[in-house]
């Protein structure tokens, strides 16, 4: 079933979408649209307005989101396996309880998004803005993470073991009980490391310049 340029805002669509069909939404307005529990496996969303769209408990396995987006999209308790988000605005999006397995976020605006409490084997993220996001308890173990802003994000309890962070920023980031063992942080802006950050960075790989900057902040000069 194809929807092209339609105003579907504030409509209840779950019962209108047959489970056996692939659904394509192009340039549609899905503001506050009710897709709770909808069968959307393999669905395509291109340049759609997604302000407060309700995808709670929906089956979105294999779905593709490209462009568009909006504030406070709800993916709580949805199934998102092999889902791709490219250049999507997911500011303040909610993923609590969602099944995230082999999900990728590329070029996304995820300011204030909450992925804490999500389930599954995890996700990949690249060239995205996660300022003020909450990833508490998420695993990015062994991932290659490029061009991501984690400024003022909550990464408490996250696992970055053996991950590589390139062109990333960790300014003002909360790192309580975060693991960076054997993580390569040589391409990351570590911000101003306080005691909490230094504990988190235990076992990480950094450059001599980064080490000197950390010591300088503590009043120690390396000659």
N, C-alpha and C. Protein backbone atom coordinates (compact mmCIF):
# COMPACT_ATOMS: atom_id res chain seq x y z
N UNK A 1 0.85 -1.19 0.00
CA UNK A 1 0.00 0.00 0.00
C UNK A 1 0.89 1.24 0.00
N UNK A 2 0.66 2.14 -0.95
CA UNK A 2 1.46 3.34 -1.08
C UNK A 2 0.68 4.58 -0.65
N UNK A 3 1.40 5.45 0.07
CA UNK A 3 0.83 6.73 0.46
C UNK A 3 1.79 7.81 -0.03
N UNK A 4 1.36 8.66 -0.94
CA UNK A 4 2.22 9.69 -1.52
C UNK A 4 1.67 11.08 -1.21
N UNK A 5 2.43 11.83 -0.40
CA UNK A 5 2.06 13.21 -0.12
C UNK A 5 0.76 13.38 0.62
N UNK A 6 0.33 12.37 1.35
CA UNK A 6 -0.96 12.43 2.03
C UNK A 6 -0.85 13.02 3.43
N UNK A 7 -1.91 13.72 3.83
CA UNK A 7 -2.02 14.22 5.19
C UNK A 7 -2.70 13.14 6.03
N UNK A 8 -1.88 12.42 6.78
CA UNK A 8 -2.39 11.33 7.61
C UNK A 8 -2.29 11.70 9.09
N UNK A 9 -2.14 12.97 9.35
CA UNK A 9 -1.95 13.41 10.73
C UNK A 9 -3.16 13.12 11.60
N UNK A 10 -2.86 12.68 12.81
CA UNK A 10 -3.88 12.44 13.85
C UNK A 10 -4.91 11.38 13.44
N UNK A 11 -4.52 10.51 12.53
CA UNK A 11 -5.41 9.42 12.13
C UNK A 11 -4.94 8.11 12.78
N UNK A 12 -5.86 7.19 12.98
CA UNK A 12 -5.53 5.85 13.48
C UNK A 12 -5.41 4.93 12.27
N UNK A 13 -4.18 4.51 11.98
CA UNK A 13 -3.94 3.75 10.76
C UNK A 13 -3.72 2.26 10.98
N UNK A 14 -3.55 1.84 12.21
CA UNK A 14 -3.15 0.46 12.45
C UNK A 14 -4.07 -0.55 11.77
N UNK A 15 -5.36 -0.32 11.81
CA UNK A 15 -6.31 -1.27 11.24
C UNK A 15 -6.43 -1.15 9.72
N UNK A 16 -5.79 -0.13 9.13
CA UNK A 16 -5.88 0.08 7.69
C UNK A 16 -4.70 -0.52 6.94
N UNK A 17 -3.77 -1.13 7.68
CA UNK A 17 -2.53 -1.61 7.05
C UNK A 17 -2.47 -3.13 7.10
N UNK A 18 -2.82 -3.80 6.01
CA UNK A 18 -2.78 -5.27 5.99
C UNK A 18 -1.36 -5.78 6.26
N UNK A 19 -1.25 -6.80 7.09
CA UNK A 19 0.06 -7.31 7.49
C UNK A 19 0.82 -7.93 6.33
N UNK A 20 0.12 -8.42 5.31
CA UNK A 20 0.79 -9.14 4.22
C UNK A 20 1.33 -8.19 3.14
N UNK A 21 1.12 -6.89 3.27
CA UNK A 21 1.58 -5.94 2.27
C UNK A 21 2.76 -5.12 2.76
N UNK A 22 3.55 -4.62 1.79
CA UNK A 22 4.61 -3.68 2.12
C UNK A 22 4.05 -2.27 1.97
N UNK A 23 4.34 -1.43 2.94
CA UNK A 23 3.75 -0.09 2.96
C UNK A 23 4.83 0.97 2.71
N UNK A 24 4.52 1.90 1.82
CA UNK A 24 5.46 2.96 1.46
C UNK A 24 4.80 4.31 1.73
N UNK A 25 5.50 5.14 2.51
CA UNK A 25 5.01 6.48 2.83
C UNK A 25 6.02 7.48 2.27
N UNK A 26 5.60 8.32 1.32
CA UNK A 26 6.48 9.32 0.74
C UNK A 26 5.89 10.71 0.95
N UNK A 27 6.69 11.58 1.58
CA UNK A 27 6.28 12.99 1.77
C UNK A 27 4.92 13.09 2.47
N UNK A 28 4.67 12.20 3.41
CA UNK A 28 3.40 12.22 4.14
C UNK A 28 3.53 12.96 5.46
N UNK A 29 2.44 13.54 5.90
CA UNK A 29 2.38 14.17 7.22
C UNK A 29 1.80 13.15 8.20
N UNK A 30 2.67 12.65 9.09
CA UNK A 30 2.26 11.64 10.08
C UNK A 30 2.28 12.23 11.49
N UNK A 31 2.02 13.52 11.58
CA UNK A 31 2.00 14.19 12.88
C UNK A 31 0.95 13.56 13.80
N UNK A 32 1.39 13.05 14.93
CA UNK A 32 0.51 12.43 15.94
C UNK A 32 -0.32 11.28 15.36
N UNK A 33 0.15 10.68 14.31
CA UNK A 33 -0.56 9.53 13.72
C UNK A 33 -0.43 8.31 14.62
N UNK A 34 -1.53 7.59 14.79
CA UNK A 34 -1.56 6.41 15.65
C UNK A 34 -1.23 5.16 14.83
N UNK A 35 0.01 4.66 15.02
CA UNK A 35 0.45 3.41 14.39
C UNK A 35 0.79 2.39 15.46
N UNK A 36 0.15 2.49 16.59
CA UNK A 36 0.38 1.59 17.72
C UNK A 36 0.10 0.15 17.29
N UNK A 37 1.11 -0.71 17.44
CA UNK A 37 0.94 -2.12 17.13
C UNK A 37 0.80 -2.44 15.66
N UNK A 38 1.09 -1.50 14.78
CA UNK A 38 0.89 -1.71 13.34
C UNK A 38 1.90 -2.70 12.77
N UNK A 39 1.50 -3.41 11.72
CA UNK A 39 2.38 -4.33 11.00
C UNK A 39 3.09 -3.55 9.90
N UNK A 40 4.34 -3.15 10.17
CA UNK A 40 5.07 -2.28 9.26
C UNK A 40 6.42 -2.89 8.87
N UNK A 41 6.52 -4.21 8.89
CA UNK A 41 7.77 -4.87 8.50
C UNK A 41 8.11 -4.51 7.06
N UNK A 42 9.34 -4.04 6.84
CA UNK A 42 9.78 -3.68 5.51
C UNK A 42 9.23 -2.37 4.98
N UNK A 43 8.54 -1.62 5.83
CA UNK A 43 7.94 -0.36 5.38
C UNK A 43 9.02 0.67 5.04
N UNK A 44 8.66 1.61 4.15
CA UNK A 44 9.56 2.68 3.74
C UNK A 44 8.93 4.02 4.10
N UNK A 45 9.73 4.87 4.75
CA UNK A 45 9.29 6.22 5.12
C UNK A 45 10.28 7.21 4.50
N UNK A 46 9.84 7.95 3.49
CA UNK A 46 10.72 8.90 2.81
C UNK A 46 10.22 10.32 3.03
N UNK A 47 11.06 11.13 3.68
CA UNK A 47 10.78 12.57 3.86
C UNK A 47 9.42 12.82 4.49
N UNK A 48 9.08 12.02 5.49
CA UNK A 48 7.78 12.18 6.16
C UNK A 48 7.92 13.03 7.42
N UNK A 49 6.87 13.78 7.74
CA UNK A 49 6.80 14.51 8.99
C UNK A 49 6.38 13.52 10.08
N UNK A 50 7.21 13.43 11.13
CA UNK A 50 6.96 12.41 12.15
C UNK A 50 6.82 13.01 13.55
N UNK A 51 6.30 14.21 13.64
CA UNK A 51 6.12 14.83 14.96
C UNK A 51 5.16 14.02 15.81
N UNK A 52 5.68 13.48 16.92
CA UNK A 52 4.89 12.72 17.89
C UNK A 52 4.15 11.53 17.28
N UNK A 53 4.69 10.98 16.20
CA UNK A 53 4.10 9.77 15.62
C UNK A 53 4.22 8.62 16.62
N UNK A 54 3.17 7.83 16.74
CA UNK A 54 3.11 6.76 17.73
C UNK A 54 3.37 5.41 17.06
N UNK A 55 4.63 4.90 17.20
CA UNK A 55 4.99 3.58 16.67
C UNK A 55 5.08 2.55 17.80
N UNK A 56 4.52 2.84 18.95
CA UNK A 56 4.65 1.91 20.08
C UNK A 56 4.12 0.52 19.72
N UNK A 57 4.92 -0.48 20.07
CA UNK A 57 4.58 -1.90 19.86
C UNK A 57 4.42 -2.28 18.38
N UNK A 58 4.83 -1.41 17.49
CA UNK A 58 4.72 -1.73 16.06
C UNK A 58 5.82 -2.70 15.64
N UNK A 59 5.53 -3.48 14.60
CA UNK A 59 6.53 -4.35 13.99
C UNK A 59 7.17 -3.59 12.84
N UNK A 60 8.40 -3.11 13.06
CA UNK A 60 9.11 -2.31 12.06
C UNK A 60 10.33 -3.03 11.52
N UNK A 61 10.39 -4.34 11.67
CA UNK A 61 11.56 -5.09 11.21
C UNK A 61 11.84 -4.81 9.73
N UNK A 62 13.10 -4.43 9.44
CA UNK A 62 13.49 -4.18 8.06
C UNK A 62 13.01 -2.86 7.48
N UNK A 63 12.42 -2.00 8.29
CA UNK A 63 11.92 -0.72 7.80
C UNK A 63 13.07 0.22 7.44
N UNK A 64 12.79 1.15 6.54
CA UNK A 64 13.79 2.13 6.09
C UNK A 64 13.21 3.53 6.26
N UNK A 65 13.93 4.36 7.03
CA UNK A 65 13.54 5.76 7.23
C UNK A 65 14.60 6.64 6.58
N UNK A 66 14.18 7.51 5.66
CA UNK A 66 15.12 8.40 4.98
C UNK A 66 14.58 9.82 4.97
N UNK A 67 15.36 10.76 5.53
CA UNK A 67 14.94 12.15 5.57
C UNK A 67 13.73 12.36 6.47
N UNK A 68 13.31 13.61 6.55
CA UNK A 68 12.14 13.93 7.36
C UNK A 68 12.39 13.73 8.84
N UNK A 69 11.32 13.40 9.55
CA UNK A 69 11.41 13.20 11.00
C UNK A 69 10.64 14.26 11.74
N UNK A 70 10.87 14.32 13.05
CA UNK A 70 10.17 15.29 13.89
C UNK A 70 10.46 15.05 15.35
N UNK A 71 9.82 15.81 16.19
CA UNK A 71 10.06 15.74 17.63
C UNK A 71 9.23 14.64 18.29
N UNK A 72 9.84 14.01 19.28
CA UNK A 72 9.16 13.09 20.20
C UNK A 72 8.44 11.93 19.50
N UNK A 73 9.09 11.32 18.53
CA UNK A 73 8.54 10.09 17.94
C UNK A 73 8.63 8.98 18.98
N UNK A 74 7.59 8.17 19.10
CA UNK A 74 7.55 7.11 20.11
C UNK A 74 7.72 5.73 19.48
N UNK A 75 8.85 5.09 19.84
CA UNK A 75 9.13 3.72 19.39
C UNK A 75 9.12 2.75 20.57
N UNK A 76 8.56 3.15 21.69
CA UNK A 76 8.58 2.31 22.88
C UNK A 76 8.01 0.92 22.59
N UNK A 77 8.76 -0.11 23.00
CA UNK A 77 8.32 -1.51 22.91
C UNK A 77 8.09 -1.99 21.47
N UNK A 78 8.58 -1.24 20.49
CA UNK A 78 8.45 -1.68 19.09
C UNK A 78 9.57 -2.65 18.74
N UNK A 79 9.37 -3.43 17.68
CA UNK A 79 10.41 -4.32 17.16
C UNK A 79 11.13 -3.62 16.02
N UNK A 80 12.44 -3.37 16.21
CA UNK A 80 13.24 -2.71 15.19
C UNK A 80 14.47 -3.57 14.92
N UNK A 81 14.32 -4.54 14.04
CA UNK A 81 15.43 -5.40 13.65
C UNK A 81 15.80 -5.06 12.20
N UNK A 82 17.10 -4.81 11.96
CA UNK A 82 17.58 -4.44 10.62
C UNK A 82 16.90 -3.18 10.08
N UNK A 83 16.68 -2.22 10.96
CA UNK A 83 16.07 -0.95 10.56
C UNK A 83 17.16 0.08 10.29
N UNK A 84 17.00 0.90 9.26
CA UNK A 84 17.97 1.95 8.97
C UNK A 84 17.31 3.32 9.04
N UNK A 85 17.99 4.24 9.72
CA UNK A 85 17.58 5.64 9.79
C UNK A 85 18.69 6.46 9.15
N UNK A 86 18.38 7.20 8.08
CA UNK A 86 19.37 8.00 7.39
C UNK A 86 18.87 9.44 7.25
N UNK A 87 19.63 10.38 7.83
CA UNK A 87 19.29 11.81 7.74
C UNK A 87 17.89 12.09 8.28
N UNK A 88 17.55 11.46 9.40
CA UNK A 88 16.24 11.62 10.02
C UNK A 88 16.36 12.45 11.30
N UNK A 89 15.41 13.36 11.52
CA UNK A 89 15.35 14.10 12.76
C UNK A 89 14.62 13.25 13.79
N UNK A 90 15.36 12.78 14.79
CA UNK A 90 14.79 11.95 15.86
C UNK A 90 14.97 12.63 17.21
N UNK A 91 14.88 13.95 17.21
CA UNK A 91 15.04 14.70 18.46
C UNK A 91 13.98 14.29 19.48
N UNK A 92 14.45 13.98 20.68
CA UNK A 92 13.58 13.57 21.79
C UNK A 92 12.79 12.30 21.50
N UNK A 93 13.24 11.49 20.54
CA UNK A 93 12.58 10.21 20.26
C UNK A 93 12.72 9.27 21.45
N UNK A 94 11.74 8.42 21.64
CA UNK A 94 11.71 7.49 22.77
C UNK A 94 11.81 6.05 22.27
N UNK A 95 12.84 5.31 22.78
CA UNK A 95 13.04 3.92 22.38
C UNK A 95 12.99 2.96 23.57
N UNK A 96 12.49 3.41 24.69
CA UNK A 96 12.45 2.56 25.88
C UNK A 96 11.67 1.27 25.62
N UNK A 97 12.29 0.14 25.93
CA UNK A 97 11.63 -1.15 25.76
C UNK A 97 11.66 -1.67 24.33
N UNK A 98 12.18 -0.87 23.39
CA UNK A 98 12.21 -1.31 21.99
C UNK A 98 13.28 -2.37 21.77
N UNK A 99 13.02 -3.27 20.83
CA UNK A 99 13.99 -4.29 20.46
C UNK A 99 14.86 -3.72 19.34
N UNK A 100 16.11 -3.38 19.67
CA UNK A 100 17.05 -2.80 18.72
C UNK A 100 18.13 -3.83 18.39
N UNK A 101 18.06 -4.38 17.21
CA UNK A 101 19.05 -5.37 16.76
C UNK A 101 19.47 -5.01 15.34
N UNK A 102 20.78 -4.75 15.15
CA UNK A 102 21.31 -4.37 13.84
C UNK A 102 20.59 -3.15 13.28
N UNK A 103 20.34 -2.18 14.15
CA UNK A 103 19.75 -0.90 13.74
C UNK A 103 20.88 0.08 13.46
N UNK A 104 20.74 0.90 12.43
CA UNK A 104 21.78 1.89 12.12
C UNK A 104 21.17 3.29 12.05
N UNK A 105 21.89 4.23 12.68
CA UNK A 105 21.54 5.64 12.63
C UNK A 105 22.68 6.38 11.92
N UNK A 106 22.43 6.97 10.77
CA UNK A 106 23.46 7.66 10.02
C UNK A 106 22.99 9.06 9.66
N UNK A 107 23.77 10.06 10.04
CA UNK A 107 23.43 11.44 9.72
C UNK A 107 22.16 11.92 10.39
N UNK A 108 21.85 11.37 11.57
CA UNK A 108 20.59 11.69 12.24
C UNK A 108 20.76 12.77 13.31
N UNK A 109 19.73 13.54 13.52
CA UNK A 109 19.67 14.53 14.59
C UNK A 109 18.91 13.88 15.74
N UNK A 110 19.63 13.55 16.80
CA UNK A 110 19.04 12.78 17.90
C UNK A 110 19.19 13.51 19.23
N UNK A 111 19.06 14.83 19.18
CA UNK A 111 19.20 15.64 20.38
C UNK A 111 18.11 15.26 21.38
N UNK A 112 18.53 14.89 22.59
CA UNK A 112 17.58 14.54 23.64
C UNK A 112 16.87 13.21 23.45
N UNK A 113 17.30 12.41 22.49
CA UNK A 113 16.67 11.09 22.28
C UNK A 113 17.00 10.17 23.46
N UNK A 114 16.11 9.25 23.75
CA UNK A 114 16.32 8.31 24.86
C UNK A 114 16.30 6.88 24.34
N UNK A 115 17.49 6.23 24.45
CA UNK A 115 17.60 4.82 24.07
C UNK A 115 17.82 3.93 25.28
N UNK A 116 17.82 4.52 26.46
CA UNK A 116 18.00 3.72 27.66
C UNK A 116 16.79 2.81 27.86
N UNK A 117 17.05 1.61 28.32
CA UNK A 117 15.96 0.65 28.51
C UNK A 117 15.58 -0.10 27.25
N UNK A 118 16.32 0.13 26.16
CA UNK A 118 16.06 -0.65 24.94
C UNK A 118 16.64 -2.05 25.09
N UNK A 119 16.17 -2.97 24.23
CA UNK A 119 16.61 -4.36 24.30
C UNK A 119 17.32 -4.74 23.01
N UNK A 120 17.81 -5.96 22.90
CA UNK A 120 18.41 -6.44 21.67
C UNK A 120 19.92 -6.36 21.70
N UNK A 121 20.53 -6.66 20.55
CA UNK A 121 21.99 -6.71 20.48
C UNK A 121 22.62 -5.36 20.22
N UNK A 122 21.82 -4.33 19.97
CA UNK A 122 22.37 -3.00 19.86
C UNK A 122 22.19 -2.34 18.51
N UNK A 123 22.98 -1.28 18.32
CA UNK A 123 22.81 -0.44 17.14
C UNK A 123 24.14 0.18 16.75
N UNK A 124 24.18 0.75 15.54
CA UNK A 124 25.34 1.49 15.05
C UNK A 124 24.93 2.94 14.86
N UNK A 125 25.89 3.84 15.10
CA UNK A 125 25.60 5.26 14.91
C UNK A 125 26.80 5.93 14.28
N UNK A 126 26.53 6.82 13.30
CA UNK A 126 27.61 7.53 12.61
C UNK A 126 27.11 8.90 12.17
N UNK A 127 28.00 9.89 12.21
CA UNK A 127 27.73 11.25 11.74
C UNK A 127 26.39 11.77 12.25
N UNK A 128 26.17 11.61 13.54
CA UNK A 128 24.89 12.00 14.14
C UNK A 128 25.12 12.88 15.37
N UNK A 129 24.09 13.64 15.72
CA UNK A 129 24.16 14.54 16.87
C UNK A 129 23.33 13.97 18.01
N UNK A 130 24.02 13.46 19.04
CA UNK A 130 23.35 12.89 20.21
C UNK A 130 23.51 13.77 21.43
N UNK A 131 23.61 15.08 21.22
CA UNK A 131 23.68 16.01 22.34
C UNK A 131 22.48 15.82 23.26
N UNK A 132 22.74 15.72 24.56
CA UNK A 132 21.70 15.57 25.59
C UNK A 132 20.91 14.26 25.48
N UNK A 133 21.38 13.33 24.66
CA UNK A 133 20.70 12.05 24.55
C UNK A 133 20.97 11.18 25.77
N UNK A 134 20.09 10.23 26.01
CA UNK A 134 20.26 9.28 27.12
C UNK A 134 20.44 7.88 26.54
N UNK A 135 21.67 7.38 26.66
CA UNK A 135 21.99 6.03 26.18
C UNK A 135 22.31 5.10 27.34
N UNK A 136 21.90 5.48 28.53
CA UNK A 136 22.27 4.74 29.74
C UNK A 136 22.11 3.24 29.60
N UNK A 137 23.23 2.49 29.78
CA UNK A 137 23.20 1.04 29.75
C UNK A 137 23.30 0.42 28.38
N UNK A 138 23.40 1.22 27.32
CA UNK A 138 23.49 0.67 25.96
C UNK A 138 24.89 0.12 25.69
N UNK A 139 24.98 -0.82 24.77
CA UNK A 139 26.26 -1.41 24.39
C UNK A 139 26.65 -0.98 22.99
N UNK A 140 27.86 -0.40 22.88
CA UNK A 140 28.46 -0.06 21.59
C UNK A 140 29.82 -0.75 21.51
N UNK A 141 29.88 -1.90 22.11
CA UNK A 141 31.11 -2.68 22.20
C UNK A 141 31.64 -3.01 20.80
N UNK A 142 32.93 -2.71 20.59
CA UNK A 142 33.64 -3.01 19.34
C UNK A 142 33.12 -2.25 18.13
N UNK A 143 32.26 -1.27 18.33
CA UNK A 143 31.74 -0.51 17.19
C UNK A 143 32.74 0.55 16.73
N UNK A 144 32.71 0.87 15.46
CA UNK A 144 33.47 1.99 14.91
C UNK A 144 32.50 3.17 14.82
N UNK A 145 32.75 4.19 15.62
CA UNK A 145 31.82 5.31 15.74
C UNK A 145 32.50 6.56 15.19
N UNK A 146 31.94 7.12 14.14
CA UNK A 146 32.59 8.24 13.47
C UNK A 146 31.66 9.45 13.40
N UNK A 147 32.20 10.61 13.79
CA UNK A 147 31.48 11.86 13.61
C UNK A 147 30.24 12.00 14.47
N UNK A 148 30.30 11.56 15.73
CA UNK A 148 29.14 11.62 16.60
C UNK A 148 29.40 12.61 17.75
N UNK A 149 28.44 13.47 17.99
CA UNK A 149 28.51 14.40 19.12
C UNK A 149 27.74 13.81 20.30
N UNK A 150 28.47 13.55 21.39
CA UNK A 150 27.86 13.06 22.62
C UNK A 150 27.83 14.16 23.69
N UNK A 151 27.87 15.42 23.28
CA UNK A 151 27.94 16.52 24.24
C UNK A 151 26.77 16.47 25.23
N UNK A 152 27.12 16.52 26.52
CA UNK A 152 26.12 16.54 27.60
C UNK A 152 25.16 15.35 27.55
N UNK A 153 25.56 14.29 26.87
CA UNK A 153 24.74 13.07 26.83
C UNK A 153 24.97 12.24 28.09
N UNK A 154 24.00 11.40 28.41
CA UNK A 154 24.12 10.49 29.54
C UNK A 154 24.50 9.12 29.01
N UNK A 155 25.77 8.74 29.22
CA UNK A 155 26.29 7.45 28.78
C UNK A 155 26.58 6.55 29.98
N UNK A 156 25.92 6.81 31.09
CA UNK A 156 26.15 6.03 32.31
C UNK A 156 25.89 4.55 32.05
N UNK A 157 26.85 3.71 32.43
CA UNK A 157 26.68 2.27 32.30
C UNK A 157 26.83 1.74 30.89
N UNK A 158 27.20 2.60 29.93
CA UNK A 158 27.38 2.13 28.54
C UNK A 158 28.68 1.34 28.42
N UNK A 159 28.73 0.45 27.43
CA UNK A 159 29.90 -0.38 27.20
C UNK A 159 30.51 -0.02 25.84
N UNK A 160 31.67 0.67 25.88
CA UNK A 160 32.42 1.02 24.68
C UNK A 160 33.70 0.18 24.57
N UNK A 161 33.73 -0.95 25.22
CA UNK A 161 34.92 -1.80 25.20
C UNK A 161 35.36 -2.09 23.76
N UNK A 162 36.63 -1.81 23.47
CA UNK A 162 37.24 -2.06 22.16
C UNK A 162 36.58 -1.30 21.02
N UNK A 163 35.81 -0.27 21.34
CA UNK A 163 35.22 0.57 20.30
C UNK A 163 36.26 1.57 19.80
N UNK A 164 36.04 2.11 18.61
CA UNK A 164 36.89 3.15 18.05
C UNK A 164 36.04 4.40 17.82
N UNK A 165 36.44 5.50 18.46
CA UNK A 165 35.71 6.76 18.33
C UNK A 165 36.56 7.73 17.50
N UNK A 166 36.07 8.07 16.32
CA UNK A 166 36.80 8.95 15.41
C UNK A 166 35.97 10.21 15.15
N UNK A 167 36.60 11.38 15.33
CA UNK A 167 35.92 12.65 15.12
C UNK A 167 34.65 12.74 15.96
N UNK A 168 34.74 12.25 17.20
CA UNK A 168 33.61 12.30 18.13
C UNK A 168 33.89 13.30 19.25
N UNK A 169 32.84 13.78 19.90
CA UNK A 169 32.99 14.72 21.01
C UNK A 169 32.33 14.17 22.25
N UNK A 170 33.05 14.31 23.38
CA UNK A 170 32.56 13.84 24.67
C UNK A 170 32.61 14.98 25.68
N UNK A 171 32.14 16.15 25.26
CA UNK A 171 32.18 17.34 26.11
C UNK A 171 30.97 17.37 27.04
N UNK A 172 31.24 17.41 28.33
CA UNK A 172 30.16 17.45 29.31
C UNK A 172 29.39 16.15 29.44
N UNK A 173 29.93 15.08 28.89
CA UNK A 173 29.24 13.79 28.87
C UNK A 173 29.27 13.13 30.24
N UNK A 174 28.16 12.51 30.65
CA UNK A 174 28.10 11.78 31.91
C UNK A 174 28.58 10.36 31.67
N UNK A 175 29.62 9.96 32.40
CA UNK A 175 30.26 8.67 32.16
C UNK A 175 30.34 7.82 33.42
N UNK A 176 29.32 7.85 34.24
CA UNK A 176 29.32 7.06 35.47
C UNK A 176 29.25 5.57 35.14
N UNK A 177 30.27 4.82 35.57
CA UNK A 177 30.36 3.37 35.33
C UNK A 177 30.35 3.01 33.85
N UNK A 178 30.80 3.93 33.01
CA UNK A 178 30.94 3.66 31.58
C UNK A 178 32.26 2.94 31.33
N UNK A 179 32.26 1.99 30.41
CA UNK A 179 33.47 1.20 30.15
C UNK A 179 34.10 1.58 28.82
N UNK A 180 35.40 1.90 28.85
CA UNK A 180 36.16 2.19 27.64
C UNK A 180 37.41 1.31 27.55
N UNK A 181 37.38 0.15 28.15
CA UNK A 181 38.56 -0.72 28.15
C UNK A 181 38.97 -1.04 26.71
N UNK A 182 40.24 -0.77 26.39
CA UNK A 182 40.82 -1.02 25.06
C UNK A 182 40.13 -0.24 23.95
N UNK A 183 39.34 0.77 24.31
CA UNK A 183 38.71 1.63 23.30
C UNK A 183 39.75 2.61 22.75
N UNK A 184 39.68 2.88 21.45
CA UNK A 184 40.60 3.82 20.81
C UNK A 184 39.94 5.20 20.77
N UNK A 185 40.43 6.10 21.64
CA UNK A 185 39.86 7.44 21.76
C UNK A 185 40.77 8.50 21.14
N UNK A 186 41.73 8.07 20.34
CA UNK A 186 42.71 9.01 19.81
C UNK A 186 42.09 10.03 18.86
N UNK A 187 40.96 9.71 18.29
CA UNK A 187 40.30 10.65 17.38
C UNK A 187 39.13 11.37 18.01
N UNK A 188 39.05 11.37 19.35
CA UNK A 188 37.91 11.97 20.04
C UNK A 188 38.32 13.22 20.83
N UNK A 189 37.39 14.16 20.92
CA UNK A 189 37.56 15.32 21.80
C UNK A 189 37.02 14.91 23.16
N UNK A 190 37.92 14.76 24.14
CA UNK A 190 37.54 14.23 25.44
C UNK A 190 36.96 15.28 26.37
N UNK A 191 36.96 16.54 25.94
CA UNK A 191 36.46 17.59 26.80
C UNK A 191 37.38 17.79 27.99
N UNK A 192 36.82 18.21 29.09
CA UNK A 192 37.59 18.43 30.31
C UNK A 192 37.39 17.23 31.24
N UNK A 193 38.35 16.32 31.28
CA UNK A 193 38.18 15.09 32.06
C UNK A 193 38.18 15.35 33.58
N UNK A 194 37.06 15.05 34.23
CA UNK A 194 37.01 15.11 35.69
C UNK A 194 37.31 13.70 36.22
N UNK A 195 37.19 13.52 37.53
CA UNK A 195 37.51 12.22 38.12
C UNK A 195 36.65 11.11 37.54
N UNK A 196 35.37 11.41 37.29
CA UNK A 196 34.45 10.41 36.75
C UNK A 196 34.90 9.96 35.37
N UNK A 197 35.29 10.93 34.53
CA UNK A 197 35.75 10.60 33.19
C UNK A 197 37.04 9.80 33.21
N UNK A 198 37.96 10.20 34.08
CA UNK A 198 39.24 9.50 34.13
C UNK A 198 39.05 8.06 34.56
N UNK A 199 38.13 7.81 35.45
CA UNK A 199 37.85 6.42 35.84
C UNK A 199 37.28 5.65 34.65
N UNK A 200 36.39 6.30 33.90
CA UNK A 200 35.79 5.64 32.74
C UNK A 200 36.83 5.34 31.66
N UNK A 201 37.81 6.24 31.51
CA UNK A 201 38.82 6.07 30.47
C UNK A 201 39.91 5.07 30.84
N UNK A 202 39.79 4.46 31.99
CA UNK A 202 40.80 3.48 32.41
C UNK A 202 40.89 2.35 31.37
N UNK A 203 42.10 2.12 30.88
CA UNK A 203 42.32 1.07 29.89
C UNK A 203 42.12 1.50 28.46
N UNK A 204 41.73 2.78 28.24
CA UNK A 204 41.52 3.28 26.89
C UNK A 204 42.85 3.69 26.26
N UNK A 205 42.84 3.83 24.94
CA UNK A 205 44.02 4.25 24.19
C UNK A 205 43.84 5.72 23.81
N UNK A 206 44.79 6.58 24.23
CA UNK A 206 44.74 7.99 23.89
C UNK A 206 46.11 8.43 23.37
N UNK A 207 46.18 9.64 22.82
CA UNK A 207 47.44 10.15 22.29
C UNK A 207 48.25 10.81 23.40
N UNK A 208 49.53 11.05 23.10
CA UNK A 208 50.39 11.76 24.04
C UNK A 208 49.85 13.16 24.29
N UNK A 209 49.35 13.82 23.23
CA UNK A 209 48.80 15.17 23.37
C UNK A 209 47.58 15.17 24.29
N UNK A 210 46.72 14.16 24.16
CA UNK A 210 45.56 14.08 25.04
C UNK A 210 45.99 13.86 26.49
N UNK A 211 47.00 12.99 26.68
CA UNK A 211 47.50 12.74 28.03
C UNK A 211 48.10 14.00 28.63
N UNK A 212 48.84 14.76 27.83
CA UNK A 212 49.44 16.01 28.32
C UNK A 212 48.36 17.02 28.71
N UNK A 213 47.27 17.07 27.90
CA UNK A 213 46.18 18.00 28.20
C UNK A 213 45.50 17.64 29.52
N UNK A 214 45.33 16.34 29.75
CA UNK A 214 44.72 15.89 31.01
C UNK A 214 45.59 16.28 32.20
N UNK A 215 46.88 16.07 32.07
CA UNK A 215 47.81 16.42 33.15
C UNK A 215 47.84 17.93 33.37
N UNK A 216 47.82 18.69 32.27
CA UNK A 216 47.84 20.15 32.38
C UNK A 216 46.63 20.67 33.13
N UNK A 217 45.46 20.05 32.90
CA UNK A 217 44.25 20.47 33.61
C UNK A 217 44.37 20.25 35.11
N UNK A 218 45.28 19.35 35.48
CA UNK A 218 45.48 19.04 36.89
C UNK A 218 46.74 19.72 37.44
N UNK A 219 47.23 20.69 36.65
CA UNK A 219 48.37 21.47 37.12
C UNK A 219 49.71 20.80 37.00
N UNK A 220 49.78 19.77 36.18
CA UNK A 220 51.04 19.03 36.01
C UNK A 220 51.59 19.34 34.63
N UNK A 221 52.84 19.78 34.58
CA UNK A 221 53.49 20.10 33.31
C UNK A 221 54.43 18.99 32.92
N UNK A 222 54.28 18.49 31.69
CA UNK A 222 55.15 17.44 31.19
C UNK A 222 56.22 18.07 30.32
N UNK A 223 57.48 17.84 30.62
CA UNK A 223 58.59 18.43 29.86
C UNK A 223 59.16 17.40 28.88
